[in-house]
Amino acid sequence: MSVLIDTSTPWGKYWAPLPLPATKLGHYRLLSPNAGVHVSPLQLGAMSVGDQWSDIGMGSMDKEASFKLLDAYYNNAPDCCLSQDESSEQFIGEWAEQHGIRDQLFIATKYTTNFKKRDANVTQKTFYGGNSSKTMHISVEASLKKLRTTYIDLLVSGRMECHGTVIRARHYSHGRAEGMALAPWNVLAGGRLRDDAEEQRRRETGEKGRTTFNPDWERNEDEKRMSAALEKVANEVGASTITAEVPYVFPIIGGRKVEHLLSNVEALDIALTDEHIATWRVLFHLIPVSHSKIPGFSKGDGSKYTQWILGSGHFDYQPLPQPIKPKSKSAAEN
């Protein structure tokens, strides 16, 4: 039952709705069925924030450029996820302290990856990587100092991440069954899923692309075919599919340019049809085996029981929770 509040009274003014946010990033969603916190539908991945990875093909952002990107994100919705050999935590900690907004941020950071691997002053590096309790203690204590805070909102194990154009089924299915949120990253394959015009522009300007895992920044034939198929759907609706199939999915968006950040936000205004989802599923056949053809026979994608179950009897399938559909401006106001 809805209750109308007379906003002309002092009590009504106190409970009056807040103004609509600048973008859909400010429409918060429950993180997971087992969590009470509400967060932005997109996370800012801070792997590109910092200046320590330019020599390994990841690009670089100095403090000024990093602060500009963080300001643009915060002005829309304050959630972020961190990485990059300590400098991202240092930059974000200083930025949040300068603005006095730590409690307005939801900060996730991770451990497991050895954050002292390239520190020549640390001779014995064993305890700075892995999932041991000692590693976690060292990592958390260091993160708190760099972030200039007394708490971390979400601590992530660096070896439980789901990434790539297809979320790994063992993580995807397990996460959904256990009421966990999914935070896919690298859904654009490090920028390699792009159209021909963008690739030509990069070639002409010398901007090129990420070379961390492959010295050849240009797309291979499989990536070109995948890009073309995705572009067909994008031309119809202009959106990614990752948030359109299930709830509790919060993609991590990266990049170093404010305009790229804001262009990602536009996808929150677009809904995919069942036909678009069906088209997207066909794209699995374009993914090389090395990228893992999942969901598959043994794991499935959660839309129905797998053959392992169906071979044992007849079952009534429990429908899955449906994703959140974008609202129109008038609906959001109501």
Protein backbone atom coordinates (compact mmCIF):
# COMPACT_ATOMS: atom_id res chain seq x y z
CA MET A 1 0.00 0.00 0.00
CA SER A 2 1.41 3.38 -0.99
CA VAL A 3 0.94 6.41 1.27
CA LEU A 4 0.74 9.96 -0.07
CA ILE A 5 2.65 12.56 1.96
CA ASP A 6 1.57 16.18 2.11
CA THR A 7 4.88 17.88 1.30
CA SER A 8 3.50 21.27 2.35
CA THR A 9 3.72 20.30 6.02
CA PRO A 10 7.00 20.28 8.00
CA TRP A 11 6.72 16.50 8.41
CA GLY A 12 5.99 16.07 4.72
CA LYS A 13 8.93 18.24 3.72
CA TYR A 14 11.21 16.10 5.91
CA TRP A 15 10.14 12.93 4.09
CA ALA A 16 9.91 14.48 0.62
CA PRO A 17 11.67 12.41 -2.09
CA LEU A 18 15.18 13.45 -3.04
CA PRO A 19 15.73 15.02 -6.47
CA LEU A 20 16.42 12.55 -9.27
CA PRO A 21 20.15 11.84 -9.75
CA ALA A 22 22.05 13.15 -12.76
CA THR A 23 22.27 9.67 -14.32
CA LYS A 24 21.07 6.11 -13.72
CA LEU A 25 24.29 5.50 -11.79
CA GLY A 26 22.47 7.15 -8.91
CA HIS A 27 19.68 4.57 -8.91
CA TYR A 28 21.02 2.14 -6.32
CA ARG A 29 20.38 -1.60 -6.23
CA LEU A 30 20.59 -4.26 -3.54
CA LEU A 31 24.05 -5.82 -3.80
CA SER A 32 22.79 -9.38 -3.30
CA PRO A 33 20.01 -11.34 -1.52
CA ASN A 34 22.41 -11.87 1.38
CA ALA A 35 23.49 -8.23 1.69
CA GLY A 36 21.78 -5.15 3.08
CA VAL A 37 23.81 -2.51 1.24
CA HIS A 38 22.63 -0.81 -1.94
CA VAL A 39 25.19 0.19 -4.57
CA SER A 40 25.41 1.74 -8.02
CA PRO A 41 24.60 -0.59 -10.96
CA LEU A 42 28.09 0.01 -12.40
CA GLN A 43 31.41 -0.05 -10.53
CA LEU A 44 34.39 2.07 -11.42
CA GLY A 45 37.34 -0.25 -11.85
CA ALA A 46 40.50 1.50 -10.69
CA MET A 47 42.97 -0.74 -12.51
CA SER A 48 43.55 2.17 -14.86
CA VAL A 49 43.93 4.67 -12.00
CA GLY A 50 47.60 5.11 -11.15
CA ASP A 51 51.00 5.35 -12.78
CA GLN A 52 52.73 2.04 -12.05
CA TRP A 53 51.70 -0.18 -14.96
CA SER A 54 52.50 1.84 -18.07
CA ASP A 55 55.59 -0.30 -18.71
CA ILE A 56 53.53 -3.50 -18.87
CA GLY A 57 51.06 -2.26 -21.48
CA MET A 58 48.24 -1.03 -19.20
CA GLY A 59 48.47 2.70 -19.81
CA SER A 60 48.98 5.31 -17.12
CA MET A 61 47.10 8.10 -15.36
CA ASP A 62 48.88 10.69 -13.27
CA LYS A 63 47.26 12.06 -10.12
CA GLU A 64 45.55 14.96 -11.87
CA ALA A 65 43.97 12.76 -14.56
CA SER A 66 43.00 10.15 -11.95
CA PHE A 67 41.29 12.76 -9.78
CA LYS A 68 39.37 14.07 -12.81
CA LEU A 69 38.03 10.59 -13.58
CA LEU A 70 37.14 9.98 -9.93
CA ASP A 71 35.33 13.32 -9.75
CA ALA A 72 33.27 12.44 -12.83
CA TYR A 73 32.27 9.10 -11.33
CA TYR A 74 31.55 10.46 -7.85
CA ASN A 75 29.31 13.18 -9.30
CA ASN A 76 27.11 10.36 -10.59
CA ALA A 77 27.51 7.53 -8.05
CA PRO A 78 30.27 6.62 -5.58
CA ASP A 79 31.29 2.95 -5.87
CA CYS A 80 34.75 1.82 -6.88
CA CYS A 81 36.95 -1.27 -7.10
CA LEU A 82 40.73 -1.00 -6.82
CA SER A 83 43.96 -2.41 -8.23
CA GLN A 84 47.39 -1.48 -9.74
CA ASP A 85 50.45 -2.02 -7.55
CA GLU A 86 49.27 0.20 -4.69
CA SER A 87 49.14 3.54 -6.53
CA SER A 88 45.37 3.32 -7.21
CA GLU A 89 44.70 2.95 -3.48
CA GLN A 90 47.05 5.81 -2.70
CA PHE A 91 45.42 8.13 -5.25
CA ILE A 92 41.87 7.23 -4.17
CA GLY A 93 42.72 7.52 -0.49
CA GLU A 94 44.17 11.00 -0.99
CA TRP A 95 41.27 12.06 -3.23
CA ALA A 96 38.60 10.86 -0.75
CA GLU A 97 40.40 12.51 2.17
CA GLN A 98 40.66 15.84 0.31
CA HIS A 99 36.93 15.83 -0.38
CA GLY A 100 35.98 14.42 3.04
CA ILE A 101 33.69 11.82 1.46
CA ARG A 102 34.98 8.43 2.63
CA ASP A 103 31.66 7.40 4.18
CA GLN A 104 29.87 8.29 0.95
CA LEU A 105 31.95 5.77 -0.99
CA PHE A 106 31.59 2.01 -1.29
CA ILE A 107 35.15 0.78 -1.79
CA ALA A 108 36.09 -2.76 -2.73
CA THR A 109 39.72 -3.83 -2.84
CA LYS A 110 41.38 -7.19 -3.23
CA TYR A 111 44.25 -9.29 -2.06
CA THR A 112 45.93 -12.52 -3.30
CA THR A 113 47.97 -10.91 -6.08
CA ASN A 114 51.47 -10.06 -4.84
CA PHE A 115 51.46 -6.26 -4.48
CA LYS A 116 55.17 -6.19 -3.62
CA LYS A 117 56.29 -8.22 -6.63
CA ARG A 118 58.06 -5.27 -8.26
CA ASP A 119 59.27 -3.59 -5.08
CA ALA A 120 63.06 -3.94 -5.06
CA ASN A 121 63.18 -3.02 -1.36
CA VAL A 122 61.29 -6.19 -0.41
CA THR A 123 63.59 -9.22 -0.61
CA GLN A 124 61.27 -11.89 0.82
CA LYS A 125 58.03 -11.57 -1.17
CA THR A 126 56.39 -14.87 -0.22
CA PHE A 127 53.89 -13.50 2.29
CA TYR A 128 52.57 -10.74 0.02
CA GLY A 129 50.73 -13.08 -2.35
CA GLY A 130 48.28 -15.96 -2.04
CA ASN A 131 45.20 -16.57 0.08
CA SER A 132 46.75 -17.36 3.47
CA SER A 133 45.48 -15.59 6.58
CA LYS A 134 48.90 -13.90 6.93
CA THR A 135 48.71 -12.54 3.39
CA MET A 136 45.20 -11.24 4.02
CA HIS A 137 46.30 -9.55 7.26
CA ILE A 138 49.29 -7.87 5.59
CA SER A 139 47.24 -6.80 2.57
CA VAL A 140 44.31 -5.40 4.56
CA GLU A 141 46.58 -3.46 6.91
CA ALA A 142 48.46 -1.97 3.95
CA SER A 143 45.23 -1.10 2.10
CA LEU A 144 43.81 0.71 5.12
CA LYS A 145 46.91 2.91 5.31
CA LYS A 146 46.96 3.67 1.58
CA LEU A 147 43.22 4.37 1.47
CA ARG A 148 43.51 6.56 4.59
CA THR A 149 40.51 4.84 6.12
CA THR A 150 39.57 2.63 9.06
CA TYR A 151 37.47 0.12 7.12
CA ILE A 152 37.04 -1.58 3.74
CA ASP A 153 33.51 -2.06 2.41
CA LEU A 154 34.23 -5.25 0.46
CA LEU A 155 37.37 -7.40 0.42
CA VAL A 156 37.75 -9.59 -2.67
CA SER A 157 39.97 -12.59 -3.20
CA GLY A 158 41.91 -11.96 -6.41
CA ARG A 159 41.62 -15.60 -7.50
CA MET A 160 37.82 -15.78 -7.39
CA GLU A 161 37.16 -13.19 -10.08
CA CYS A 162 35.00 -13.77 -13.14
CA HIS A 163 36.15 -12.07 -16.28
CA GLY A 164 36.04 -12.11 -20.04
CA THR A 165 33.18 -11.89 -22.53
CA VAL A 166 31.65 -14.95 -20.89
CA ILE A 167 31.47 -15.34 -17.12
CA ARG A 168 32.96 -18.66 -16.12
CA ALA A 169 30.13 -21.07 -15.41
CA ARG A 170 31.61 -22.51 -12.22
CA HIS A 171 31.61 -19.02 -10.71
CA TYR A 172 28.39 -17.88 -12.37
CA SER A 173 26.27 -20.86 -11.27
CA HIS A 174 27.82 -21.07 -7.81
CA GLY A 175 27.38 -17.36 -7.20
CA ARG A 176 23.73 -17.38 -8.17
CA ALA A 177 23.00 -20.49 -6.08
CA GLU A 178 24.64 -19.00 -3.01
CA GLY A 179 22.94 -15.60 -3.31
CA MET A 180 26.12 -13.78 -4.28
CA ALA A 181 26.54 -10.73 -6.48
CA LEU A 182 28.47 -10.97 -9.75
CA ALA A 183 31.02 -8.33 -10.70
CA PRO A 184 32.25 -9.21 -14.21
CA TRP A 185 35.27 -7.32 -15.51
CA ASN A 186 37.00 -7.20 -18.87
CA VAL A 187 33.64 -7.69 -20.60
CA LEU A 188 35.04 -5.77 -23.58
CA ALA A 189 38.12 -8.00 -23.64
CA GLY A 190 40.46 -5.19 -22.69
CA GLY A 191 39.05 -2.96 -25.44
CA ARG A 192 39.53 -5.59 -28.16
CA LEU A 193 35.79 -5.77 -28.83
CA ARG A 194 35.52 -2.68 -31.02
CA ASP A 195 34.26 -1.85 -34.49
CA ASP A 196 36.40 -1.43 -37.60
CA ALA A 197 36.14 2.37 -37.53
CA GLU A 198 37.51 2.53 -33.98
CA GLU A 199 40.39 0.25 -34.85
CA GLN A 200 41.26 2.39 -37.87
CA ARG A 201 41.12 5.55 -35.74
CA ARG A 202 43.54 4.02 -33.22
CA ARG A 203 45.83 2.98 -36.04
CA GLU A 204 45.91 6.49 -37.52
CA THR A 205 46.32 8.37 -34.23
CA GLY A 206 48.90 5.97 -32.81
CA GLU A 207 46.78 5.38 -29.72
CA LYS A 208 46.76 1.63 -30.39
CA GLY A 209 45.48 -0.49 -27.50
CA ARG A 210 46.31 -2.60 -24.48
CA THR A 211 49.32 -4.90 -24.94
CA THR A 212 49.61 -6.42 -21.46
CA PHE A 213 48.88 -9.99 -22.53
CA ASN A 214 49.48 -9.74 -26.25
CA PRO A 215 52.08 -7.52 -27.96
CA ASP A 216 49.76 -7.23 -30.98
CA TRP A 217 47.10 -4.67 -30.00
CA GLU A 218 44.99 -5.26 -33.12
CA ARG A 219 42.15 -7.77 -33.09
CA ASN A 220 42.50 -11.31 -34.38
CA GLU A 221 39.91 -12.88 -36.71
CA ASP A 222 37.85 -14.40 -33.87
CA GLU A 223 37.69 -11.03 -32.12
CA LYS A 224 36.62 -9.33 -35.35
CA ARG A 225 33.81 -11.84 -35.86
CA MET A 226 32.68 -11.44 -32.26
CA SER A 227 32.80 -7.65 -32.58
CA ALA A 228 30.72 -7.72 -35.76
CA ALA A 229 28.07 -9.92 -34.16
CA LEU A 230 27.91 -7.74 -31.06
CA GLU A 231 27.75 -4.61 -33.20
CA LYS A 232 24.64 -5.97 -34.92
CA VAL A 233 22.79 -6.12 -31.59
CA ALA A 234 24.32 -2.83 -30.44
CA ASN A 235 23.07 -1.06 -33.55
CA GLU A 236 19.54 -2.09 -32.62
CA VAL A 237 19.60 -1.19 -28.93
CA GLY A 238 23.00 0.28 -28.11
CA ALA A 239 23.58 -1.85 -25.02
CA SER A 240 25.67 -4.57 -23.44
CA THR A 241 23.93 -7.83 -22.45
CA ILE A 242 25.66 -8.63 -19.20
CA THR A 243 23.16 -6.87 -16.91
CA ALA A 244 20.12 -7.92 -18.93
CA GLU A 245 19.90 -11.59 -17.98
CA VAL A 246 20.06 -11.77 -14.19
CA PRO A 247 19.80 -9.46 -11.17
CA TYR A 248 22.67 -8.73 -8.77
CA VAL A 249 25.16 -8.12 -11.58
CA PHE A 250 27.41 -5.06 -11.21
CA PRO A 251 29.88 -4.80 -14.11
CA ILE A 252 33.25 -3.20 -13.42
CA ILE A 253 33.91 -0.49 -16.00
CA GLY A 254 37.42 0.77 -16.58
CA GLY A 255 39.12 3.17 -18.92
CA ARG A 256 41.03 6.42 -18.50
CA LYS A 257 38.75 8.89 -20.26
CA VAL A 258 35.76 10.67 -18.73
CA GLU A 259 33.84 10.45 -22.03
CA HIS A 260 34.25 6.67 -22.04
CA LEU A 261 32.96 6.49 -18.47
CA LEU A 262 29.85 8.51 -19.33
CA SER A 263 29.18 6.53 -22.51
CA ASN A 264 29.03 3.35 -20.42
CA VAL A 265 26.38 4.94 -18.21
CA GLU A 266 24.08 5.37 -21.23
CA ALA A 267 23.60 1.58 -21.36
CA LEU A 268 21.58 1.78 -18.12
CA ASP A 269 18.74 3.41 -20.08
CA ILE A 270 18.37 0.49 -22.49
CA ALA A 271 16.47 -2.78 -22.14
CA LEU A 272 17.12 -5.87 -24.24
CA THR A 273 14.32 -8.04 -25.60
CA ASP A 274 14.20 -11.84 -25.38
CA GLU A 275 15.18 -11.88 -29.06
CA HIS A 276 18.31 -9.86 -28.33
CA ILE A 277 19.24 -12.27 -25.53
CA ALA A 278 18.73 -15.21 -27.90
CA THR A 279 21.01 -13.55 -30.45
CA TRP A 280 23.62 -13.02 -27.74
CA ARG A 281 23.54 -16.71 -26.82
CA VAL A 282 24.40 -17.63 -30.41
CA LEU A 283 27.63 -15.66 -29.97
CA PHE A 284 28.95 -18.44 -27.74
CA HIS A 285 29.67 -20.39 -30.91
CA LEU A 286 32.05 -17.65 -32.04
CA ILE A 287 34.22 -17.90 -28.95
CA PRO A 288 37.36 -20.03 -29.40
CA VAL A 289 37.81 -23.03 -27.12
CA SER A 290 40.76 -21.25 -25.49
CA HIS A 291 38.26 -18.66 -24.20
CA SER A 292 36.07 -21.46 -22.79
CA LYS A 293 32.79 -22.42 -24.44
CA ILE A 294 30.55 -21.95 -21.44
CA PRO A 295 27.79 -22.32 -20.38
CA GLY A 296 27.92 -25.91 -21.59
CA PHE A 297 26.67 -29.43 -21.14
CA SER A 298 27.71 -29.95 -17.53
CA LYS A 299 27.17 -26.51 -16.00
CA GLY A 300 24.41 -24.86 -17.98
CA ASP A 301 23.50 -21.21 -17.78
CA GLY A 302 20.82 -21.47 -15.10
CA SER A 303 17.87 -21.08 -17.49
CA LYS A 304 16.96 -24.78 -17.22
CA TYR A 305 18.19 -28.00 -15.65
CA THR A 306 21.28 -29.54 -17.22
CA GLN A 307 21.33 -32.93 -18.89
CA TRP A 308 22.93 -34.42 -15.78
CA ILE A 309 19.70 -33.67 -13.90
CA LEU A 310 17.20 -34.32 -16.71
CA GLY A 311 18.65 -37.77 -17.24
CA SER A 312 17.48 -38.74 -13.77
CA GLY A 313 13.74 -37.96 -13.99
CA HIS A 314 11.11 -35.31 -14.69
CA PHE A 315 11.32 -32.01 -12.84
CA ASP A 316 9.37 -28.76 -12.53
CA TYR A 317 11.91 -26.00 -12.92
CA GLN A 318 11.95 -23.12 -10.43
CA PRO A 319 11.96 -19.82 -12.40
CA LEU A 320 14.98 -17.58 -11.87
CA PRO A 321 14.76 -14.05 -10.47
CA GLN A 322 14.40 -11.55 -13.29
CA PRO A 323 16.81 -8.66 -13.97
CA ILE A 324 15.95 -5.06 -13.18
CA LYS A 325 14.55 -3.33 -16.25
CA PRO A 326 15.37 0.33 -16.96
CA LYS A 327 12.64 2.80 -15.95
CA SER A 328 11.50 5.82 -17.90
CA LYS A 329 12.02 9.22 -16.30
CA SER A 330 8.30 9.55 -15.48
CA ALA A 331 8.23 6.10 -13.86
CA ALA A 332 11.34 6.89 -11.81
CA GLU A 333 9.72 10.08 -10.52
CA ASN A 334 6.75 8.06 -9.29
